[in-house]
C-alpha cells in the first residue's frame, strides 16, 4: 500500500483526499491519501518522522518553507519559490510545483488568450508566487495587492511587476482578470470582503483559488451577483491534482472521476 497525504493548516476543508482516493480506486491502485493538520512550528518534526510517504501535497502555510526539509527541489519550484508537491525520486523526497501549470490549465479553459490582459493578483504567499509566475510572461500588465506592504513590494520587485497597495487604491481601474490567492474564503464564518462590490464588473473574469467543501466563497457569490465570469477554486484543485497524480503514479489522471468526486457526485 502506497501512502500519500496533504499537509496544511487548517486542513479540514481540503478535498484533496476525496479527489485522489477516488482516482486511486478508479485505477485499482493500492494507495491511500489522508490529511494532516500541521502547524508551522511542527513542520520540521513532521518531515523528520514521516519518511515513508510516496507523495505529499503541500498547502497553506507550508509552500514556502517545506523545501528546506527535502532532499531537493526542481527548477520549477526554485523559479516560483514555493513547493506544493513532494514526490519520490531515487528514494529521495523532491519538491516541485503543480499549482502554476494547474492554475494556467484551468484559466485557459475560460480565457484562452491572455495576451494584453490586465491582471490583479490578491496575496503574496506561496500560491500567489505560482499564479504570478504562470501569468507574468503571458499577460500585458500585472498588479499585486497585499495587505502586508513589505512582502507585496518585495514580491512585485522579484517578478518585475507592480505593487498596487490596497484594493481600495485601485477603484479607478478595471482589470480583465482578478485572482484571489489568499486563504480568505476557506472559513464561512465572518468572511471579510476581499474587494469593494463596486470594484467588480461584468467584464471581469474572477478567479478564487480558495474553496469550501459546501457552498461558494463570498468573492464567487459577488461575481455571480454582478454577472461576471468566474472560476472556483475546485477547478484549480482539479488541474493541479491531475498533474500530481500523473507525477506520483506515471499514469494518466482519470479527470472525469476526479471532477465528479470534487462535485460530490
C-alpha atoms as a PDB file:
ATOM      1  CA  UNK A   1       0.000   0.000   0.000  1.00  0.00           C
ATOM      2  CA  UNK A   2       1.405   3.374  -1.020  1.00  0.00           C
ATOM      3  CA  UNK A   3       0.693   6.291   1.303  1.00  0.00           C
ATOM      4  CA  UNK A   4       0.025   9.866   0.214  1.00  0.00           C
ATOM      5  CA  UNK A   5      -1.142  12.890   2.188  1.00  0.00           C
ATOM      6  CA  UNK A   6      -1.763  16.605   2.235  1.00  0.00           C
ATOM      7  CA  UNK A   7      -0.255  18.795   4.947  1.00  0.00           C
ATOM      8  CA  UNK A   8      -1.757  22.180   5.712  1.00  0.00           C
ATOM      9  CA  UNK A   9      -3.144  24.360   8.491  1.00  0.00           C
ATOM     10  CA  UNK A  10      -6.080  24.368   8.506  1.00  0.00           C
ATOM     11  CA  UNK A  11      -6.719  21.196   6.528  1.00  0.00           C
ATOM     12  CA  UNK A  12     -10.309  20.217   7.379  1.00  0.00           C
ATOM     13  CA  UNK A  13     -11.689  21.906   4.270  1.00  0.00           C
ATOM     14  CA  UNK A  14      -9.398  20.055   1.859  1.00  0.00           C
ATOM     15  CA  UNK A  15     -10.998  17.990  -0.889  1.00  0.00           C
ATOM     16  CA  UNK A  16      -7.660  16.529  -1.982  1.00  0.00           C
ATOM     17  CA  UNK A  17      -8.220  13.220  -0.110  1.00  0.00           C
ATOM     18  CA  UNK A  18     -11.647  12.746  -1.722  1.00  0.00           C
ATOM     19  CA  UNK A  19     -10.276  13.576  -5.173  1.00  0.00           C
ATOM     20  CA  UNK A  20      -7.150  11.426  -5.038  1.00  0.00           C
ATOM     21  CA  UNK A  21      -8.759   8.452  -3.292  1.00  0.00           C
ATOM     22  CA  UNK A  22     -11.450   8.384  -5.976  1.00  0.00           C
ATOM     23  CA  UNK A  23      -8.711   8.339  -8.626  1.00  0.00           C
ATOM     24  CA  UNK A  24      -6.775   5.552  -6.878  1.00  0.00           C
ATOM     25  CA  UNK A  25      -9.944   3.473  -6.610  1.00  0.00           C
ATOM     26  CA  UNK A  26     -10.893   4.007 -10.247  1.00  0.00           C
ATOM     27  CA  UNK A  27      -7.419   2.976 -11.368  1.00  0.00           C
ATOM     28  CA  UNK A  28      -7.458  -0.031  -8.987  1.00  0.00           C
ATOM     29  CA  UNK A  29      -4.319   1.135  -7.203  1.00  0.00           C
ATOM     30  CA  UNK A  30      -3.285   0.023  -3.736  1.00  0.00           C
ATOM     31  CA  UNK A  31      -2.885   3.542  -2.396  1.00  0.00           C
ATOM     32  CA  UNK A  32      -4.476   5.812   0.181  1.00  0.00           C
ATOM     33  CA  UNK A  33      -4.491   9.598   0.599  1.00  0.00           C
ATOM     34  CA  UNK A  34      -5.019  11.219   4.019  1.00  0.00           C
ATOM     35  CA  UNK A  35      -4.895  14.724   5.513  1.00  0.00           C
ATOM     36  CA  UNK A  36      -2.709  16.064   8.318  1.00  0.00           C
ATOM     37  CA  UNK A  37      -3.160  19.367  10.088  1.00  0.00           C
ATOM     38  CA  UNK A  38       0.429  20.520  10.648  1.00  0.00           C
ATOM     39  CA  UNK A  39       1.195  23.764  12.447  1.00  0.00           C
ATOM     40  CA  UNK A  40       4.158  25.767  11.092  1.00  0.00           C
ATOM     41  CA  UNK A  41       6.192  25.087  14.243  1.00  0.00           C
ATOM     42  CA  UNK A  42       5.617  21.336  13.827  1.00  0.00           C
ATOM     43  CA  UNK A  43       6.621  21.046  10.169  1.00  0.00           C
ATOM     44  CA  UNK A  44      10.239  20.070  10.799  1.00  0.00           C
ATOM     45  CA  UNK A  45       9.252  17.317  13.219  1.00  0.00           C
ATOM     46  CA  UNK A  46       6.577  16.014  10.838  1.00  0.00           C
ATOM     47  CA  UNK A  47       9.016  15.818   7.955  1.00  0.00           C
ATOM     48  CA  UNK A  48      11.681  14.096  10.081  1.00  0.00           C
ATOM     49  CA  UNK A  49       9.351  11.369  11.323  1.00  0.00           C
ATOM     50  CA  UNK A  50       7.270  10.714   8.186  1.00  0.00           C
ATOM     51  CA  UNK A  51       9.756   9.241   5.739  1.00  0.00           C
ATOM     52  CA  UNK A  52       7.582   6.569   4.150  1.00  0.00           C
ATOM     53  CA  UNK A  53       5.325   8.796   2.035  1.00  0.00           C
ATOM     54  CA  UNK A  54       5.132   8.055  -1.675  1.00  0.00           C
ATOM     55  CA  UNK A  55       3.989  11.640  -2.215  1.00  0.00           C
ATOM     56  CA  UNK A  56       2.772  14.737  -0.389  1.00  0.00           C
ATOM     57  CA  UNK A  57       0.523  17.621  -1.366  1.00  0.00           C
ATOM     58  CA  UNK A  58       1.541  20.837   0.389  1.00  0.00           C
ATOM     59  CA  UNK A  59      -0.801  23.730   1.118  1.00  0.00           C
ATOM     60  CA  UNK A  60      -1.003  26.893   3.242  1.00  0.00           C
ATOM     61  CA  UNK A  61       1.160  27.809   5.148  1.00  0.00           C
ATOM     62  CA  UNK A  62       3.991  25.422   4.205  1.00  0.00           C
ATOM     63  CA  UNK A  63       4.619  26.030   0.495  1.00  0.00           C
ATOM     64  CA  UNK A  64       7.459  28.497   1.005  1.00  0.00           C
ATOM     65  CA  UNK A  65       9.166  26.672   3.881  1.00  0.00           C
ATOM     66  CA  UNK A  66       8.990  22.936   3.196  1.00  0.00           C
ATOM     67  CA  UNK A  67      11.860  23.000   0.709  1.00  0.00           C
ATOM     68  CA  UNK A  68      14.463  23.122   3.484  1.00  0.00           C
ATOM     69  CA  UNK A  69      13.324  19.700   4.727  1.00  0.00           C
ATOM     70  CA  UNK A  70      13.534  17.978   1.331  1.00  0.00           C
ATOM     71  CA  UNK A  71      16.450  16.337  -0.440  1.00  0.00           C
ATOM     72  CA  UNK A  72      15.996  18.771  -3.313  1.00  0.00           C
ATOM     73  CA  UNK A  73      13.599  20.915  -5.298  1.00  0.00           C
ATOM     74  CA  UNK A  74      13.338  21.085  -9.080  1.00  0.00           C
ATOM     75  CA  UNK A  75      13.832  24.129 -11.268  1.00  0.00           C
ATOM     76  CA  UNK A  76      10.091  24.842 -11.478  1.00  0.00           C
ATOM     77  CA  UNK A  77       9.780  25.153  -7.701  1.00  0.00           C
ATOM     78  CA  UNK A  78      13.022  27.144  -7.479  1.00  0.00           C
ATOM     79  CA  UNK A  79      11.761  29.665 -10.001  1.00  0.00           C
ATOM     80  CA  UNK A  80       8.431  30.047  -8.223  1.00  0.00           C
ATOM     81  CA  UNK A  81       9.886  29.957  -4.722  1.00  0.00           C
ATOM     82  CA  UNK A  82       7.226  27.554  -3.462  1.00  0.00           C
ATOM     83  CA  UNK A  83       6.590  23.796  -3.318  1.00  0.00           C
ATOM     84  CA  UNK A  84       3.112  22.289  -3.425  1.00  0.00           C
ATOM     85  CA  UNK A  85       4.019  18.713  -4.384  1.00  0.00           C
ATOM     86  CA  UNK A  86       6.581  16.288  -2.968  1.00  0.00           C
ATOM     87  CA  UNK A  87       7.487  13.140  -4.880  1.00  0.00           C
ATOM     88  CA  UNK A  88       9.956  10.271  -4.525  1.00  0.00           C
ATOM     89  CA  UNK A  89      12.997  10.235  -6.808  1.00  0.00           C
ATOM     90  CA  UNK A  90      15.802   7.701  -6.313  1.00  0.00           C
ATOM     91  CA  UNK A  91      14.491   7.072  -2.808  1.00  0.00           C
ATOM     92  CA  UNK A  92      14.687  10.781  -2.018  1.00  0.00           C
ATOM     93  CA  UNK A  93      11.974  13.388  -1.411  1.00  0.00           C
ATOM     94  CA  UNK A  94      11.922  16.117  -4.052  1.00  0.00           C
ATOM     95  CA  UNK A  95       9.704  19.164  -4.340  1.00  0.00           C
ATOM     96  CA  UNK A  96       8.015  20.655  -7.383  1.00  0.00           C
ATOM     97  CA  UNK A  97       5.062  22.926  -8.112  1.00  0.00           C
ATOM     98  CA  UNK A  98       1.903  21.886  -9.956  1.00  0.00           C
ATOM     99  CA  UNK A  99      -0.012  24.985  -8.839  1.00  0.00           C
ATOM    100  CA  UNK A 100       1.360  27.159 -11.656  1.00  0.00           C
ATOM    101  CA  UNK A 101       0.557  24.855 -14.601  1.00  0.00           C
ATOM    102  CA  UNK A 102      -2.650  23.691 -12.897  1.00  0.00           C
ATOM    103  CA  UNK A 103      -3.843  27.273 -12.485  1.00  0.00           C
ATOM    104  CA  UNK A 104      -2.965  28.072 -16.091  1.00  0.00           C
ATOM    105  CA  UNK A 105      -4.757  24.986 -17.425  1.00  0.00           C
ATOM    106  CA  UNK A 106      -7.919  25.891 -15.502  1.00  0.00           C
ATOM    107  CA  UNK A 107      -7.713  29.534 -16.587  1.00  0.00           C
ATOM    108  CA  UNK A 108      -7.214  28.809 -20.281  1.00  0.00           C
ATOM    109  CA  UNK A 109     -10.411  26.749 -20.405  1.00  0.00           C
ATOM    110  CA  UNK A 110     -12.268  30.031 -19.829  1.00  0.00           C
ATOM    111  CA  UNK A 111      -9.766  32.666 -21.065  1.00  0.00           C
ATOM    112  CA  UNK A 112      -7.609  31.018 -23.737  1.00  0.00           C
ATOM    113  CA  UNK A 113      -5.977  34.255 -24.956  1.00  0.00           C
ATOM    114  CA  UNK A 114      -4.129  36.120 -22.195  1.00  0.00           C
ATOM    115  CA  UNK A 115      -2.133  38.492 -24.379  1.00  0.00           C
ATOM    116  CA  UNK A 116      -2.546  42.113 -23.361  1.00  0.00           C
ATOM    117  CA  UNK A 117      -4.761  41.285 -20.371  1.00  0.00           C
ATOM    118  CA  UNK A 118      -4.617  43.477 -17.262  1.00  0.00           C
ATOM    119  CA  UNK A 119      -4.425  41.335 -14.139  1.00  0.00           C
ATOM    120  CA  UNK A 120      -4.755  41.955 -10.413  1.00  0.00           C
ATOM    121  CA  UNK A 121      -3.500  39.258  -8.030  1.00  0.00           C
ATOM    122  CA  UNK A 122      -4.506  39.469  -4.365  1.00  0.00           C
ATOM    123  CA  UNK A 123      -1.969  37.958  -1.968  1.00  0.00           C
ATOM    124  CA  UNK A 124       1.778  37.415  -1.737  1.00  0.00           C
ATOM    125  CA  UNK A 125       2.183  33.871  -0.374  1.00  0.00           C
ATOM    126  CA  UNK A 126       3.159  30.594  -1.998  1.00  0.00           C
ATOM    127  CA  UNK A 127       0.008  30.354  -4.120  1.00  0.00           C
ATOM    128  CA  UNK A 128       0.456  33.938  -5.311  1.00  0.00           C
ATOM    129  CA  UNK A 129       4.005  33.140  -6.382  1.00  0.00           C
ATOM    130  CA  UNK A 130       2.755  30.241  -8.515  1.00  0.00           C
ATOM    131  CA  UNK A 131      -0.032  32.282 -10.107  1.00  0.00           C
ATOM    132  CA  UNK A 132       2.230  35.267 -10.835  1.00  0.00           C
ATOM    133  CA  UNK A 133       4.952  33.025 -12.248  1.00  0.00           C
ATOM    134  CA  UNK A 134       2.431  31.430 -14.615  1.00  0.00           C
ATOM    135  CA  UNK A 135       0.803  34.704 -15.706  1.00  0.00           C
ATOM    136  CA  UNK A 136       3.679  37.173 -15.936  1.00  0.00           C
ATOM    137  CA  UNK A 137       5.113  36.018 -19.301  1.00  0.00           C
ATOM    138  CA  UNK A 138       1.660  35.858 -20.925  1.00  0.00           C
ATOM    139  CA  UNK A 139      -0.282  38.965 -19.861  1.00  0.00           C
ATOM    140  CA  UNK A 140       0.007  42.647 -20.594  1.00  0.00           C
ATOM    141  CA  UNK A 141       0.136  44.136 -17.084  1.00  0.00           C
ATOM    142  CA  UNK A 142       0.127  42.562 -13.631  1.00  0.00           C
ATOM    143  CA  UNK A 143      -0.517  44.247 -10.282  1.00  0.00           C
ATOM    144  CA  UNK A 144      -0.092  42.673  -6.826  1.00  0.00           C
ATOM    145  CA  UNK A 145      -2.394  43.665  -3.976  1.00  0.00           C
ATOM    146  CA  UNK A 146      -1.298  42.646  -0.474  1.00  0.00           C
ATOM    147  CA  UNK A 147      -2.115  43.999   2.979  1.00  0.00           C
ATOM    148  CA  UNK A 148       1.480  43.489   4.205  1.00  0.00           C
ATOM    149  CA  UNK A 149       3.286  46.198   2.277  1.00  0.00           C
ATOM    150  CA  UNK A 150       6.920  44.975   2.532  1.00  0.00           C
ATOM    151  CA  UNK A 151       6.009  41.482   1.346  1.00  0.00           C
ATOM    152  CA  UNK A 152       3.924  42.812  -1.525  1.00  0.00           C
ATOM    153  CA  UNK A 153       6.646  45.235  -2.602  1.00  0.00           C
ATOM    154  CA  UNK A 154       9.324  42.536  -2.433  1.00  0.00           C
ATOM    155  CA  UNK A 155       7.270  40.095  -4.498  1.00  0.00           C
ATOM    156  CA  UNK A 156       6.495  42.734  -7.120  1.00  0.00           C
ATOM    157  CA  UNK A 157      10.189  43.572  -7.392  1.00  0.00           C
ATOM    158  CA  UNK A 158      11.155  39.893  -7.681  1.00  0.00           C
ATOM    159  CA  UNK A 159       8.714  39.208 -10.509  1.00  0.00           C
ATOM    160  CA  UNK A 160       9.107  42.657 -12.108  1.00  0.00           C
ATOM    161  CA  UNK A 161       5.505  43.705 -11.786  1.00  0.00           C
ATOM    162  CA  UNK A 162       3.612  46.444  -9.951  1.00  0.00           C
ATOM    163  CA  UNK A 163       2.642  46.634  -6.292  1.00  0.00           C
ATOM    164  CA  UNK A 164      -0.718  48.385  -6.099  1.00  0.00           C
ATOM    165  CA  UNK A 165      -1.169  48.792  -2.354  1.00  0.00           C
ATOM    166  CA  UNK A 166      -4.698  48.114  -1.125  1.00  0.00           C
ATOM    167  CA  UNK A 167      -7.591  47.150  -3.366  1.00  0.00           C
ATOM    168  CA  UNK A 168      -9.288  50.421  -2.374  1.00  0.00           C
ATOM    169  CA  UNK A 169      -6.420  52.261  -4.095  1.00  0.00           C
ATOM    170  CA  UNK A 170      -7.468  50.764  -7.435  1.00  0.00           C
ATOM    171  CA  UNK A 171     -11.098  51.899  -7.615  1.00  0.00           C
ATOM    172  CA  UNK A 172     -10.458  53.758 -10.868  1.00  0.00           C
ATOM    173  CA  UNK A 173      -9.011  50.665 -12.605  1.00  0.00           C
ATOM    174  CA  UNK A 174     -10.844  47.724 -14.129  1.00  0.00           C
ATOM    175  CA  UNK A 175      -8.684  44.643 -14.734  1.00  0.00           C
ATOM    176  CA  UNK A 176      -9.620  41.894 -17.156  1.00  0.00           C
ATOM    177  CA  UNK A 177      -8.696  39.230 -14.617  1.00  0.00           C
ATOM    178  CA  UNK A 178      -8.866  39.290 -10.808  1.00  0.00           C
ATOM    179  CA  UNK A 179      -7.290  36.400  -8.873  1.00  0.00           C
ATOM    180  CA  UNK A 180      -7.563  35.790  -5.142  1.00  0.00           C
ATOM    181  CA  UNK A 181      -4.652  33.682  -3.888  1.00  0.00           C
ATOM    182  CA  UNK A 182      -5.222  34.264  -0.166  1.00  0.00           C
ATOM    183  CA  UNK A 183      -6.884  31.887   2.273  1.00  0.00           C
ATOM    184  CA  UNK A 184      -9.811  34.284   2.751  1.00  0.00           C
ATOM    185  CA  UNK A 185     -12.852  32.268   1.832  1.00  0.00           C
ATOM    186  CA  UNK A 186     -11.844  28.985   3.438  1.00  0.00           C
ATOM    187  CA  UNK A 187     -13.899  29.813   6.516  1.00  0.00           C
ATOM    188  CA  UNK A 188     -17.580  30.558   6.080  1.00  0.00           C
ATOM    189  CA  UNK A 189     -17.940  32.440   9.364  1.00  0.00           C
ATOM    190  CA  UNK A 190     -17.308  36.190   9.366  1.00  0.00           C
ATOM    191  CA  UNK A 191     -15.706  36.136   5.928  1.00  0.00           C
ATOM    192  CA  UNK A 192     -14.424  39.657   5.180  1.00  0.00           C
ATOM    193  CA  UNK A 193     -14.922  41.462   1.901  1.00  0.00           C
ATOM    194  CA  UNK A 194     -11.843  40.980  -0.261  1.00  0.00           C
ATOM    195  CA  UNK A 195     -12.829  43.761  -2.634  1.00  0.00           C
ATOM    196  CA  UNK A 196     -15.461  46.503  -2.663  1.00  0.00           C
ATOM    197  CA  UNK A 197     -18.512  45.246  -4.528  1.00  0.00           C
ATOM    198  CA  UNK A 198     -18.427  48.235  -6.888  1.00  0.00           C
ATOM    199  CA  UNK A 199     -14.916  47.204  -7.977  1.00  0.00           C
ATOM    200  CA  UNK A 200     -16.285  44.060  -9.624  1.00  0.00           C
ATOM    201  CA  UNK A 201     -17.555  44.441 -13.189  1.00  0.00           C
ATOM    202  CA  UNK A 202     -19.391  42.082 -15.573  1.00  0.00           C
ATOM    203  CA  UNK A 203     -16.452  42.332 -17.987  1.00  0.00           C
ATOM    204  CA  UNK A 204     -14.036  40.701 -15.499  1.00  0.00           C
ATOM    205  CA  UNK A 205     -13.052  37.092 -15.090  1.00  0.00           C
ATOM    206  CA  UNK A 206     -12.810  36.447 -11.353  1.00  0.00           C
ATOM    207  CA  UNK A 207     -10.787  33.513 -10.025  1.00  0.00           C
ATOM    208  CA  UNK A 208     -10.827  32.458  -6.378  1.00  0.00           C
ATOM    209  CA  UNK A 209      -8.359  29.673  -5.633  1.00  0.00           C
ATOM    210  CA  UNK A 210      -9.919  29.294  -2.176  1.00  0.00           C
ATOM    211  CA  UNK A 211     -12.895  26.965  -1.931  1.00  0.00           C
ATOM    212  CA  UNK A 212     -15.210  25.416   0.627  1.00  0.00           C
ATOM    213  CA  UNK A 213     -16.470  21.879   0.909  1.00  0.00           C
ATOM    214  CA  UNK A 214     -20.004  23.283   0.824  1.00  0.00           C
ATOM    215  CA  UNK A 215     -21.180  26.417  -0.907  1.00  0.00           C
ATOM    216  CA  UNK A 216     -19.169  29.162  -2.548  1.00  0.00           C
ATOM    217  CA  UNK A 217     -16.829  31.827  -1.247  1.00  0.00           C
ATOM    218  CA  UNK A 218     -18.086  35.372  -0.853  1.00  0.00           C
ATOM    219  CA  UNK A 219     -15.943  36.539  -3.778  1.00  0.00           C
ATOM    220  CA  UNK A 220     -17.518  33.996  -6.127  1.00  0.00           C
ATOM    221  CA  UNK A 221     -21.004  34.866  -4.839  1.00  0.00           C
ATOM    222  CA  UNK A 222     -20.281  38.526  -5.549  1.00  0.00           C
ATOM    223  CA  UNK A 223     -19.003  37.656  -9.029  1.00  0.00           C
ATOM    224  CA  UNK A 224     -22.315  35.917  -9.693  1.00  0.00           C
ATOM    225  CA  UNK A 225     -24.175  38.916  -8.296  1.00  0.00           C
ATOM    226  CA  UNK A 226     -22.579  41.357 -10.757  1.00  0.00           C
ATOM    227  CA  UNK A 227     -22.807  38.943 -13.692  1.00  0.00           C
ATOM    228  CA  UNK A 228     -19.071  38.370 -14.095  1.00  0.00           C
ATOM    229  CA  UNK A 229     -17.485  35.152 -15.331  1.00  0.00           C
ATOM    230  CA  UNK A 230     -15.731  33.183 -12.613  1.00  0.00           C
ATOM    231  CA  UNK A 231     -13.589  30.143 -11.863  1.00  0.00           C
ATOM    232  CA  UNK A 232     -13.936  28.431  -8.482  1.00  0.00           C
ATOM    233  CA  UNK A 233     -11.035  27.007  -6.514  1.00  0.00           C
ATOM    234  CA  UNK A 234     -12.139  23.455  -7.220  1.00  0.00           C
ATOM    235  CA  UNK A 235     -11.098  23.854 -10.866  1.00  0.00           C
ATOM    236  CA  UNK A 236      -7.544  24.790  -9.996  1.00  0.00           C
ATOM    237  CA  UNK A 237      -7.501  21.990  -7.427  1.00  0.00           C
ATOM    238  CA  UNK A 238      -8.608  19.560 -10.123  1.00  0.00           C
ATOM    239  CA  UNK A 239      -5.985  20.571 -12.657  1.00  0.00           C
ATOM    240  CA  UNK A 240      -3.062  20.715 -10.250  1.00  0.00           C
ATOM    241  CA  UNK A 241      -4.275  17.448  -8.686  1.00  0.00           C
ATOM    242  CA  UNK A 242      -4.271  15.731 -12.071  1.00  0.00           C
ATOM    243  CA  UNK A 243      -0.651  16.776 -12.540  1.00  0.00           C
ATOM    244  CA  UNK A 244       0.190  15.464  -9.058  1.00  0.00           C
ATOM    245  CA  UNK A 245      -1.468  12.128  -9.772  1.00  0.00           C
ATOM    246  CA  UNK A 246       0.469  11.685 -13.012  1.00  0.00           C
ATOM    247  CA  UNK A 247       3.761  12.612 -11.360  1.00  0.00           C
ATOM    248  CA  UNK A 248       3.188  10.218  -8.469  1.00  0.00           C
ATOM    249  CA  UNK A 249       1.860   7.264 -10.456  1.00  0.00           C
ATOM    250  CA  UNK A 250       3.191   7.642 -14.002  1.00  0.00           C
ATOM    251  CA  UNK A 251      -0.361   7.131 -15.304  1.00  0.00           C
ATOM    252  CA  UNK A 252      -2.844   9.480 -16.940  1.00  0.00           C
ATOM    253  CA  UNK A 253      -5.168  11.019 -14.378  1.00  0.00           C
ATOM    254  CA  UNK A 254      -8.857   9.995 -14.608  1.00  0.00           C
ATOM    255  CA  UNK A 255     -10.217  13.527 -14.962  1.00  0.00           C
ATOM    256  CA  UNK A 256     -13.917  12.687 -15.000  1.00  0.00           C
ATOM    257  CA  UNK A 257     -13.610  10.586 -11.837  1.00  0.00           C
ATOM    258  CA  UNK A 258     -11.685  13.309 -10.003  1.00  0.00           C
ATOM    259  CA  UNK A 259     -14.068  16.023 -11.161  1.00  0.00           C
ATOM    260  CA  UNK A 260     -17.136  14.081 -10.034  1.00  0.00           C
ATOM    261  CA  UNK A 261     -15.507  13.494  -6.633  1.00  0.00           C
ATOM    262  CA  UNK A 262     -14.909  17.248  -6.218  1.00  0.00           C
ATOM    263  CA  UNK A 263     -18.549  17.935  -7.070  1.00  0.00           C
ATOM    264  CA  UNK A 264     -19.719  15.333  -4.552  1.00  0.00           C
ATOM    265  CA  UNK A 265     -21.245  13.099  -7.221  1.00  0.00           C
END
